[in-house]
């Protein structure tokens, strides 16, 4: 099962990547910018695999750049709370 097929695995993967980025010295703004680029890619190139991804895609699609940055920031925060 791929990372995108299970939302819990996706959150865990994202949390791990965020932790690595912080360990490399990236600021919260830099991490958010990367997460937004990843969100743009996923929204344009990857079909949602579950209900959570469909909801995120719908929110991404109706939002403007500021909304998408906020959503990316919230996803980062949510993933950080999932990593133990």
PDB file of N, CA and C in Angstrom:
ATOM      1  N   UNK A   1       0.848  -1.185   0.000  1.00  0.00           N
ATOM      2  CA  UNK A   1       0.000   0.000   0.000  1.00  0.00           C
ATOM      3  C   UNK A   1       0.887   1.239   0.000  1.00  0.00           C
ATOM      4  N   UNK A   2       0.628   2.151  -0.911  1.00  0.00           N
ATOM      5  CA  UNK A   2       1.421   3.361  -1.024  1.00  0.00           C
ATOM      6  C   UNK A   2       1.089   4.377   0.053  1.00  0.00           C
ATOM      7  N   UNK A   3       1.970   5.337   0.219  1.00  0.00           N
ATOM      8  CA  UNK A   3       1.810   6.380   1.226  1.00  0.00           C
ATOM      9  C   UNK A   3       0.502   7.143   1.033  1.00  0.00           C
ATOM     10  N   UNK A   4       0.098   7.360  -0.212  1.00  0.00           N
ATOM     11  CA  UNK A   4      -1.098   8.155  -0.460  1.00  0.00           C
ATOM     12  C   UNK A   4      -2.394   7.362  -0.347  1.00  0.00           C
ATOM     13  N   UNK A   5      -2.315   6.062  -0.226  1.00  0.00           N
ATOM     14  CA  UNK A   5      -3.529   5.258  -0.172  1.00  0.00           C
ATOM     15  C   UNK A   5      -4.129   5.190   1.226  1.00  0.00           C
ATOM     16  N   UNK A   6      -3.373   5.551   2.235  1.00  0.00           N
ATOM     17  CA  UNK A   6      -3.854   5.520   3.602  1.00  0.00           C
ATOM     18  C   UNK A   6      -3.532   6.865   4.237  1.00  0.00           C
ATOM     19  N   UNK A   7      -4.544   7.571   4.735  1.00  0.00           N
ATOM     20  CA  UNK A   7      -4.343   8.923   5.236  1.00  0.00           C
ATOM     21  C   UNK A   7      -3.421   8.944   6.456  1.00  0.00           C
ATOM     22  N   UNK A   8      -3.520   7.947   7.319  1.00  0.00           N
ATOM     23  CA  UNK A   8      -2.634   7.897   8.484  1.00  0.00           C
ATOM     24  C   UNK A   8      -1.177   7.752   8.059  1.00  0.00           C
ATOM     25  N   UNK A   9      -0.933   6.920   7.046  1.00  0.00           N
ATOM     26  CA  UNK A   9       0.440   6.767   6.530  1.00  0.00           C
ATOM     27  C   UNK A   9       0.929   8.072   5.924  1.00  0.00           C
ATOM     28  N   UNK A  10       0.027   8.788   5.228  1.00  0.00           N
ATOM     29  CA  UNK A  10       0.388  10.068   4.625  1.00  0.00           C
ATOM     30  C   UNK A  10       0.783  11.055   5.716  1.00  0.00           C
ATOM     31  N   UNK A  11      -0.011  11.141   6.783  1.00  0.00           N
ATOM     32  CA  UNK A  11       0.305  12.060   7.876  1.00  0.00           C
ATOM     33  C   UNK A  11       1.640  11.694   8.519  1.00  0.00           C
ATOM     34  N   UNK A  12       1.877  10.421   8.723  1.00  0.00           N
ATOM     35  CA  UNK A  12       3.132   9.972   9.313  1.00  0.00           C
ATOM     36  C   UNK A  12       4.306  10.334   8.403  1.00  0.00           C
ATOM     37  N   UNK A  13       4.157  10.086   7.103  1.00  0.00           N
ATOM     38  CA  UNK A  13       5.201  10.423   6.127  1.00  0.00           C
ATOM     39  C   UNK A  13       5.474  11.928   6.143  1.00  0.00           C
ATOM     40  N   UNK A  14       4.415  12.727   6.106  1.00  0.00           N
ATOM     41  CA  UNK A  14       4.579  14.177   6.105  1.00  0.00           C
ATOM     42  C   UNK A  14       5.261  14.640   7.387  1.00  0.00           C
ATOM     43  N   UNK A  15       4.835  14.092   8.520  1.00  0.00           N
ATOM     44  CA  UNK A  15       5.460  14.457   9.788  1.00  0.00           C
ATOM     45  C   UNK A  15       6.943  14.130   9.815  1.00  0.00           C
ATOM     46  N   UNK A  16       7.308  12.961   9.305  1.00  0.00           N
ATOM     47  CA  UNK A  16       8.719  12.578   9.235  1.00  0.00           C
ATOM     48  C   UNK A  16       9.508  13.553   8.368  1.00  0.00           C
ATOM     49  N   UNK A  17       8.933  13.920   7.216  1.00  0.00           N
ATOM     50  CA  UNK A  17       9.620  14.838   6.305  1.00  0.00           C
ATOM     51  C   UNK A  17       9.764  16.224   6.926  1.00  0.00           C
ATOM     52  N   UNK A  18       8.745  16.676   7.636  1.00  0.00           N
ATOM     53  CA  UNK A  18       8.806  17.981   8.309  1.00  0.00           C
ATOM     54  C   UNK A  18       9.900  17.956   9.376  1.00  0.00           C
ATOM     55  N   UNK A  19       9.955  16.879  10.154  1.00  0.00           N
ATOM     56  CA  UNK A  19      10.996  16.763  11.181  1.00  0.00           C
ATOM     57  C   UNK A  19      12.386  16.797  10.554  1.00  0.00           C
ATOM     58  N   UNK A  20      12.560  16.112   9.432  1.00  0.00           N
ATOM     59  CA  UNK A  20      13.853  16.120   8.741  1.00  0.00           C
ATOM     60  C   UNK A  20      14.203  17.521   8.246  1.00  0.00           C
ATOM     61  N   UNK A  21      13.204  18.230   7.704  1.00  0.00           N
ATOM     62  CA  UNK A  21      13.435  19.586   7.204  1.00  0.00           C
ATOM     63  C   UNK A  21      13.856  20.515   8.340  1.00  0.00           C
ATOM     64  N   UNK A  22      13.176  20.416   9.478  1.00  0.00           N
ATOM     65  CA  UNK A  22      13.558  21.236  10.630  1.00  0.00           C
ATOM     66  C   UNK A  22      14.958  20.880  11.108  1.00  0.00           C
ATOM     67  N   UNK A  23      15.294  19.593  11.111  1.00  0.00           N
ATOM     68  CA  UNK A  23      16.625  19.152  11.540  1.00  0.00           C
ATOM     69  C   UNK A  23      17.712  19.702  10.614  1.00  0.00           C
ATOM     70  N   UNK A  24      17.359  19.932   9.344  1.00  0.00           N
ATOM     71  CA  UNK A  24      18.311  20.491   8.377  1.00  0.00           C
ATOM     72  C   UNK A  24      18.387  22.004   8.477  1.00  0.00           C
ATOM     73  N   UNK A  25      17.572  22.595   9.360  1.00  0.00           N
ATOM     74  CA  UNK A  25      17.633  24.032   9.570  1.00  0.00           C
ATOM     75  C   UNK A  25      16.617  24.849   8.794  1.00  0.00           C
ATOM     76  N   UNK A  26      15.677  24.193   8.134  1.00  0.00           N
ATOM     77  CA  UNK A  26      14.656  24.936   7.387  1.00  0.00           C
ATOM     78  C   UNK A  26      13.693  25.622   8.363  1.00  0.00           C
ATOM     79  N   UNK A  27      13.312  26.841   8.031  1.00  0.00           N
ATOM     80  CA  UNK A  27      12.365  27.579   8.859  1.00  0.00           C
ATOM     81  C   UNK A  27      10.942  27.070   8.601  1.00  0.00           C
ATOM     82  N   UNK A  28      10.035  27.451   9.476  1.00  0.00           N
ATOM     83  CA  UNK A  28       8.630  27.066   9.313  1.00  0.00           C
ATOM     84  C   UNK A  28       8.076  27.592   7.981  1.00  0.00           C
ATOM     85  N   UNK A  29       8.455  28.818   7.612  1.00  0.00           N
ATOM     86  CA  UNK A  29       7.989  29.383   6.340  1.00  0.00           C
ATOM     87  C   UNK A  29       8.515  28.594   5.151  1.00  0.00           C
ATOM     88  N   UNK A  30       9.775  28.171   5.216  1.00  0.00           N
ATOM     89  CA  UNK A  30      10.350  27.374   4.129  1.00  0.00           C
ATOM     90  C   UNK A  30       9.650  26.019   4.026  1.00  0.00           C
ATOM     91  N   UNK A  31       9.406  25.387   5.159  1.00  0.00           N
ATOM     92  CA  UNK A  31       8.722  24.097   5.162  1.00  0.00           C
ATOM     93  C   UNK A  31       7.312  24.252   4.597  1.00  0.00           C
ATOM     94  N   UNK A  32       6.635  25.315   4.977  1.00  0.00           N
ATOM     95  CA  UNK A  32       5.279  25.555   4.481  1.00  0.00           C
ATOM     96  C   UNK A  32       5.289  25.778   2.972  1.00  0.00           C
ATOM     97  N   UNK A  33       6.273  26.522   2.472  1.00  0.00           N
ATOM     98  CA  UNK A  33       6.364  26.758   1.030  1.00  0.00           C
ATOM     99  C   UNK A  33       6.567  25.449   0.273  1.00  0.00           C
ATOM    100  N   UNK A  34       7.398  24.565   0.810  1.00  0.00           N
ATOM    101  CA  UNK A  34       7.616  23.259   0.181  1.00  0.00           C
ATOM    102  C   UNK A  34       6.323  22.440   0.241  1.00  0.00           C
ATOM    103  N   UNK A  35       5.642  22.474   1.376  1.00  0.00           N
ATOM    104  CA  UNK A  35       4.382  21.728   1.518  1.00  0.00           C
ATOM    105  C   UNK A  35       3.334  22.251   0.547  1.00  0.00           C
ATOM    106  N   UNK A  36       3.326  23.555   0.307  1.00  0.00           N
ATOM    107  CA  UNK A  36       2.370  24.123  -0.651  1.00  0.00           C
ATOM    108  C   UNK A  36       2.681  23.644  -2.059  1.00  0.00           C
ATOM    109  N   UNK A  37       3.963  23.603  -2.417  1.00  0.00           N
ATOM    110  CA  UNK A  37       4.349  23.093  -3.737  1.00  0.00           C
ATOM    111  C   UNK A  37       3.953  21.628  -3.883  1.00  0.00           C
ATOM    112  N   UNK A  38       4.132  20.859  -2.813  1.00  0.00           N
ATOM    113  CA  UNK A  38       3.741  19.459  -2.832  1.00  0.00           C
ATOM    114  C   UNK A  38       2.219  19.351  -2.993  1.00  0.00           C
ATOM    115  N   UNK A  39       1.489  20.203  -2.295  1.00  0.00           N
ATOM    116  CA  UNK A  39       0.034  20.215  -2.419  1.00  0.00           C
ATOM    117  C   UNK A  39      -0.410  20.569  -3.827  1.00  0.00           C
ATOM    118  N   UNK A  40       0.259  21.549  -4.443  1.00  0.00           N
ATOM    119  CA  UNK A  40      -0.056  21.907  -5.834  1.00  0.00           C
ATOM    120  C   UNK A  40       0.137  20.698  -6.754  1.00  0.00           C
ATOM    121  N   UNK A  41       1.264  20.017  -6.574  1.00  0.00           N
ATOM    122  CA  UNK A  41       1.553  18.847  -7.404  1.00  0.00           C
ATOM    123  C   UNK A  41       0.488  17.773  -7.201  1.00  0.00           C
ATOM    124  N   UNK A  42       0.201  17.444  -5.945  1.00  0.00           N
ATOM    125  CA  UNK A  42      -0.773  16.393  -5.662  1.00  0.00           C
ATOM    126  C   UNK A  42      -2.153  16.748  -6.210  1.00  0.00           C
ATOM    127  N   UNK A  43      -2.556  18.004  -6.050  1.00  0.00           N
ATOM    128  CA  UNK A  43      -3.877  18.429  -6.517  1.00  0.00           C
ATOM    129  C   UNK A  43      -3.990  18.335  -8.037  1.00  0.00           C
ATOM    130  N   UNK A  44      -2.881  18.564  -8.736  1.00  0.00           N
ATOM    131  CA  UNK A  44      -2.904  18.570 -10.202  1.00  0.00           C
ATOM    132  C   UNK A  44      -2.589  17.224 -10.840  1.00  0.00           C
ATOM    133  N   UNK A  45      -1.846  16.365 -10.138  1.00  0.00           N
ATOM    134  CA  UNK A  45      -1.323  15.157 -10.781  1.00  0.00           C
ATOM    135  C   UNK A  45      -1.787  13.832 -10.176  1.00  0.00           C
ATOM    136  N   UNK A  46      -2.354  13.857  -8.982  1.00  0.00           N
ATOM    137  CA  UNK A  46      -2.669  12.610  -8.285  1.00  0.00           C
ATOM    138  C   UNK A  46      -4.160  12.549  -7.973  1.00  0.00           C
ATOM    139  N   UNK A  47      -4.786  11.452  -8.354  1.00  0.00           N
ATOM    140  CA  UNK A  47      -6.194  11.251  -8.026  1.00  0.00           C
ATOM    141  C   UNK A  47      -6.325  10.913  -6.553  1.00  0.00           C
ATOM    142  N   UNK A  48      -7.275  11.547  -5.848  1.00  0.00           N
ATOM    143  CA  UNK A  48      -7.475  11.225  -4.435  1.00  0.00           C
ATOM    144  C   UNK A  48      -7.777   9.737  -4.251  1.00  0.00           C
ATOM    145  N   UNK A  49      -7.166   9.139  -3.231  1.00  0.00           N
ATOM    146  CA  UNK A  49      -7.315   7.709  -2.975  1.00  0.00           C
ATOM    147  C   UNK A  49      -8.311   7.395  -1.863  1.00  0.00           C
ATOM    148  N   UNK A  50      -8.736   8.421  -1.112  1.00  0.00           N
ATOM    149  CA  UNK A  50      -9.657   8.194  -0.002  1.00  0.00           C
ATOM    150  C   UNK A  50     -10.463   9.468   0.259  1.00  0.00           C
ATOM    151  N   UNK A  51     -11.398   9.382   1.189  1.00  0.00           N
ATOM    152  CA  UNK A  51     -12.285  10.513   1.472  1.00  0.00           C
ATOM    153  C   UNK A  51     -11.524  11.739   1.960  1.00  0.00           C
ATOM    154  N   UNK A  52     -10.521  11.526   2.800  1.00  0.00           N
ATOM    155  CA  UNK A  52      -9.755  12.648   3.327  1.00  0.00           C
ATOM    156  C   UNK A  52      -9.020  13.384   2.209  1.00  0.00           C
ATOM    157  N   UNK A  53      -8.431  12.631   1.305  1.00  0.00           N
ATOM    158  CA  UNK A  53      -7.720  13.257   0.185  1.00  0.00           C
ATOM    159  C   UNK A  53      -8.684  13.978  -0.747  1.00  0.00           C
ATOM    160  N   UNK A  54      -9.875  13.417  -0.935  1.00  0.00           N
ATOM    161  CA  UNK A  54     -10.868  14.103  -1.772  1.00  0.00           C
ATOM    162  C   UNK A  54     -11.266  15.443  -1.155  1.00  0.00           C
ATOM    163  N   UNK A  55     -11.471  15.455   0.167  1.00  0.00           N
ATOM    164  CA  UNK A  55     -11.821  16.700   0.846  1.00  0.00           C
ATOM    165  C   UNK A  55     -10.689  17.709   0.727  1.00  0.00           C
ATOM    166  N   UNK A  56      -9.459  17.273   0.964  1.00  0.00           N
ATOM    167  CA  UNK A  56      -8.321  18.188   0.837  1.00  0.00           C
ATOM    168  C   UNK A  56      -8.213  18.748  -0.578  1.00  0.00           C
ATOM    169  N   UNK A  57      -8.415  17.911  -1.579  1.00  0.00           N
ATOM    170  CA  UNK A  57      -8.356  18.378  -2.975  1.00  0.00           C
ATOM    171  C   UNK A  57      -9.449  19.413  -3.240  1.00  0.00           C
ATOM    172  N   UNK A  58     -10.655  19.156  -2.750  1.00  0.00           N
ATOM    173  CA  UNK A  58     -11.748  20.118  -2.948  1.00  0.00           C
ATOM    174  C   UNK A  58     -11.427  21.449  -2.275  1.00  0.00           C
ATOM    175  N   UNK A  59     -10.896  21.404  -1.046  1.00  0.00           N
ATOM    176  CA  UNK A  59     -10.513  22.633  -0.361  1.00  0.00           C
ATOM    177  C   UNK A  59      -9.397  23.347  -1.115  1.00  0.00           C
ATOM    178  N   UNK A  60      -8.420  22.571  -1.596  1.00  0.00           N
ATOM    179  CA  UNK A  60      -7.299  23.133  -2.357  1.00  0.00           C
ATOM    180  C   UNK A  60      -7.812  23.811  -3.622  1.00  0.00           C
ATOM    181  N   UNK A  61      -8.724  23.134  -4.319  1.00  0.00           N
ATOM    182  CA  UNK A  61      -9.232  23.643  -5.593  1.00  0.00           C
ATOM    183  C   UNK A  61     -10.027  24.941  -5.444  1.00  0.00           C
ATOM    184  N   UNK A  62     -10.753  25.101  -4.357  1.00  0.00           N
ATOM    185  CA  UNK A  62     -11.572  26.316  -4.199  1.00  0.00           C
ATOM    186  C   UNK A  62     -10.784  27.455  -3.563  1.00  0.00           C
ATOM    187  N   UNK A  63      -9.612  27.144  -2.982  1.00  0.00           N
ATOM    188  CA  UNK A  63      -8.834  28.173  -2.312  1.00  0.00           C
ATOM    189  C   UNK A  63      -7.938  28.954  -3.255  1.00  0.00           C
ATOM    190  N   UNK A  64      -7.547  30.140  -2.783  1.00  0.00           N
ATOM    191  CA  UNK A  64      -6.538  30.916  -3.499  1.00  0.00           C
ATOM    192  C   UNK A  64      -5.176  30.597  -2.878  1.00  0.00           C
ATOM    193  N   UNK A  65      -4.121  31.263  -3.325  1.00  0.00           N
ATOM    194  CA  UNK A  65      -2.777  30.964  -2.828  1.00  0.00           C
ATOM    195  C   UNK A  65      -2.668  31.120  -1.309  1.00  0.00           C
ATOM    196  N   UNK A  66      -3.291  32.148  -0.768  1.00  0.00           N
ATOM    197  CA  UNK A  66      -3.245  32.369   0.675  1.00  0.00           C
ATOM    198  C   UNK A  66      -3.947  31.231   1.421  1.00  0.00           C
ATOM    199  N   UNK A  67      -5.105  30.807   0.908  1.00  0.00           N
ATOM    200  CA  UNK A  67      -5.819  29.682   1.513  1.00  0.00           C
ATOM    201  C   UNK A  67      -4.987  28.407   1.459  1.00  0.00           C
ATOM    202  N   UNK A  68      -4.319  28.194   0.332  1.00  0.00           N
ATOM    203  CA  UNK A  68      -3.508  26.989   0.163  1.00  0.00           C
ATOM    204  C   UNK A  68      -2.309  26.989   1.102  1.00  0.00           C
ATOM    205  N   UNK A  69      -1.688  28.157   1.316  1.00  0.00           N
ATOM    206  CA  UNK A  69      -0.588  28.244   2.280  1.00  0.00           C
ATOM    207  C   UNK A  69      -1.100  27.921   3.686  1.00  0.00           C
ATOM    208  N   UNK A  70      -2.278  28.441   4.016  1.00  0.00           N
ATOM    209  CA  UNK A  70      -2.858  28.162   5.334  1.00  0.00           C
ATOM    210  C   UNK A  70      -3.165  26.667   5.474  1.00  0.00           C
ATOM    211  N   UNK A  71      -3.711  26.058   4.431  1.00  0.00           N
ATOM    212  CA  UNK A  71      -4.019  24.631   4.469  1.00  0.00           C
ATOM    213  C   UNK A  71      -2.738  23.802   4.586  1.00  0.00           C
ATOM    214  N   UNK A  72      -1.713  24.185   3.855  1.00  0.00           N
ATOM    215  CA  UNK A  72      -0.426  23.488   3.950  1.00  0.00           C
ATOM    216  C   UNK A  72       0.122  23.596   5.370  1.00  0.00           C
ATOM    217  N   UNK A  73       0.040  24.791   5.961  1.00  0.00           N
ATOM    218  CA  UNK A  73       0.523  25.004   7.322  1.00  0.00           C
ATOM    219  C   UNK A  73      -0.267  24.138   8.312  1.00  0.00           C
ATOM    220  N   UNK A  74      -1.576  24.047   8.129  1.00  0.00           N
ATOM    221  CA  UNK A  74      -2.400  23.221   9.020  1.00  0.00           C
ATOM    222  C   UNK A  74      -2.069  21.743   8.869  1.00  0.00           C
ATOM    223  N   UNK A  75      -1.824  21.295   7.635  1.00  0.00           N
ATOM    224  CA  UNK A  75      -1.451  19.897   7.420  1.00  0.00           C
ATOM    225  C   UNK A  75      -0.120  19.591   8.107  1.00  0.00           C
ATOM    226  N   UNK A  76       0.814  20.521   8.045  1.00  0.00           N
ATOM    227  CA  UNK A  76       2.099  20.343   8.720  1.00  0.00           C
ATOM    228  C   UNK A  76       1.881  20.205  10.217  1.00  0.00           C
ATOM    229  N   UNK A  77       1.101  21.099  10.782  1.00  0.00           N
ATOM    230  CA  UNK A  77       0.847  21.063  12.224  1.00  0.00           C
ATOM    231  C   UNK A  77       0.144  19.768  12.613  1.00  0.00           C
ATOM    232  N   UNK A  78      -0.815  19.361  11.816  1.00  0.00           N
ATOM    233  CA  UNK A  78      -1.541  18.125  12.106  1.00  0.00           C
ATOM    234  C   UNK A  78      -0.590  16.939  12.053  1.00  0.00           C
ATOM    235  N   UNK A  79       0.295  16.926  11.071  1.00  0.00           N
ATOM    236  CA  UNK A  79       1.226  15.800  10.949  1.00  0.00           C
ATOM    237  C   UNK A  79       2.231  15.783  12.096  1.00  0.00           C
ATOM    238  N   UNK A  80       2.628  16.954  12.580  1.00  0.00           N
ATOM    239  CA  UNK A  80       3.573  17.021  13.696  1.00  0.00           C
ATOM    240  C   UNK A  80       2.959  16.422  14.957  1.00  0.00           C
ATOM    241  N   UNK A  81       1.661  16.569  15.119  1.00  0.00           N
ATOM    242  CA  UNK A  81       0.981  16.023  16.293  1.00  0.00           C
ATOM    243  C   UNK A  81       0.797  14.518  16.188  1.00  0.00           C
ATOM    244  N   UNK A  82       0.909  13.967  14.972  1.00  0.00           N
ATOM    245  CA  UNK A  82       0.745  12.531  14.766  1.00  0.00           C
ATOM    246  C   UNK A  82       2.022  11.752  15.051  1.00  0.00           C
ATOM    247  N   UNK A  83       3.173  12.409  14.911  1.00  0.00           N
ATOM    248  CA  UNK A  83       4.461  11.738  15.092  1.00  0.00           C
ATOM    249  C   UNK A  83       4.753  11.673  16.579  1.00  0.00           C
ATOM    250  N   UNK A  84       5.131  10.492  17.034  1.00  0.00           N
ATOM    251  CA  UNK A  84       5.400  10.306  18.465  1.00  0.00           C
ATOM    252  C   UNK A  84       6.859  10.222  18.736  1.00  0.00           C
TER     253      UNK A  84
END
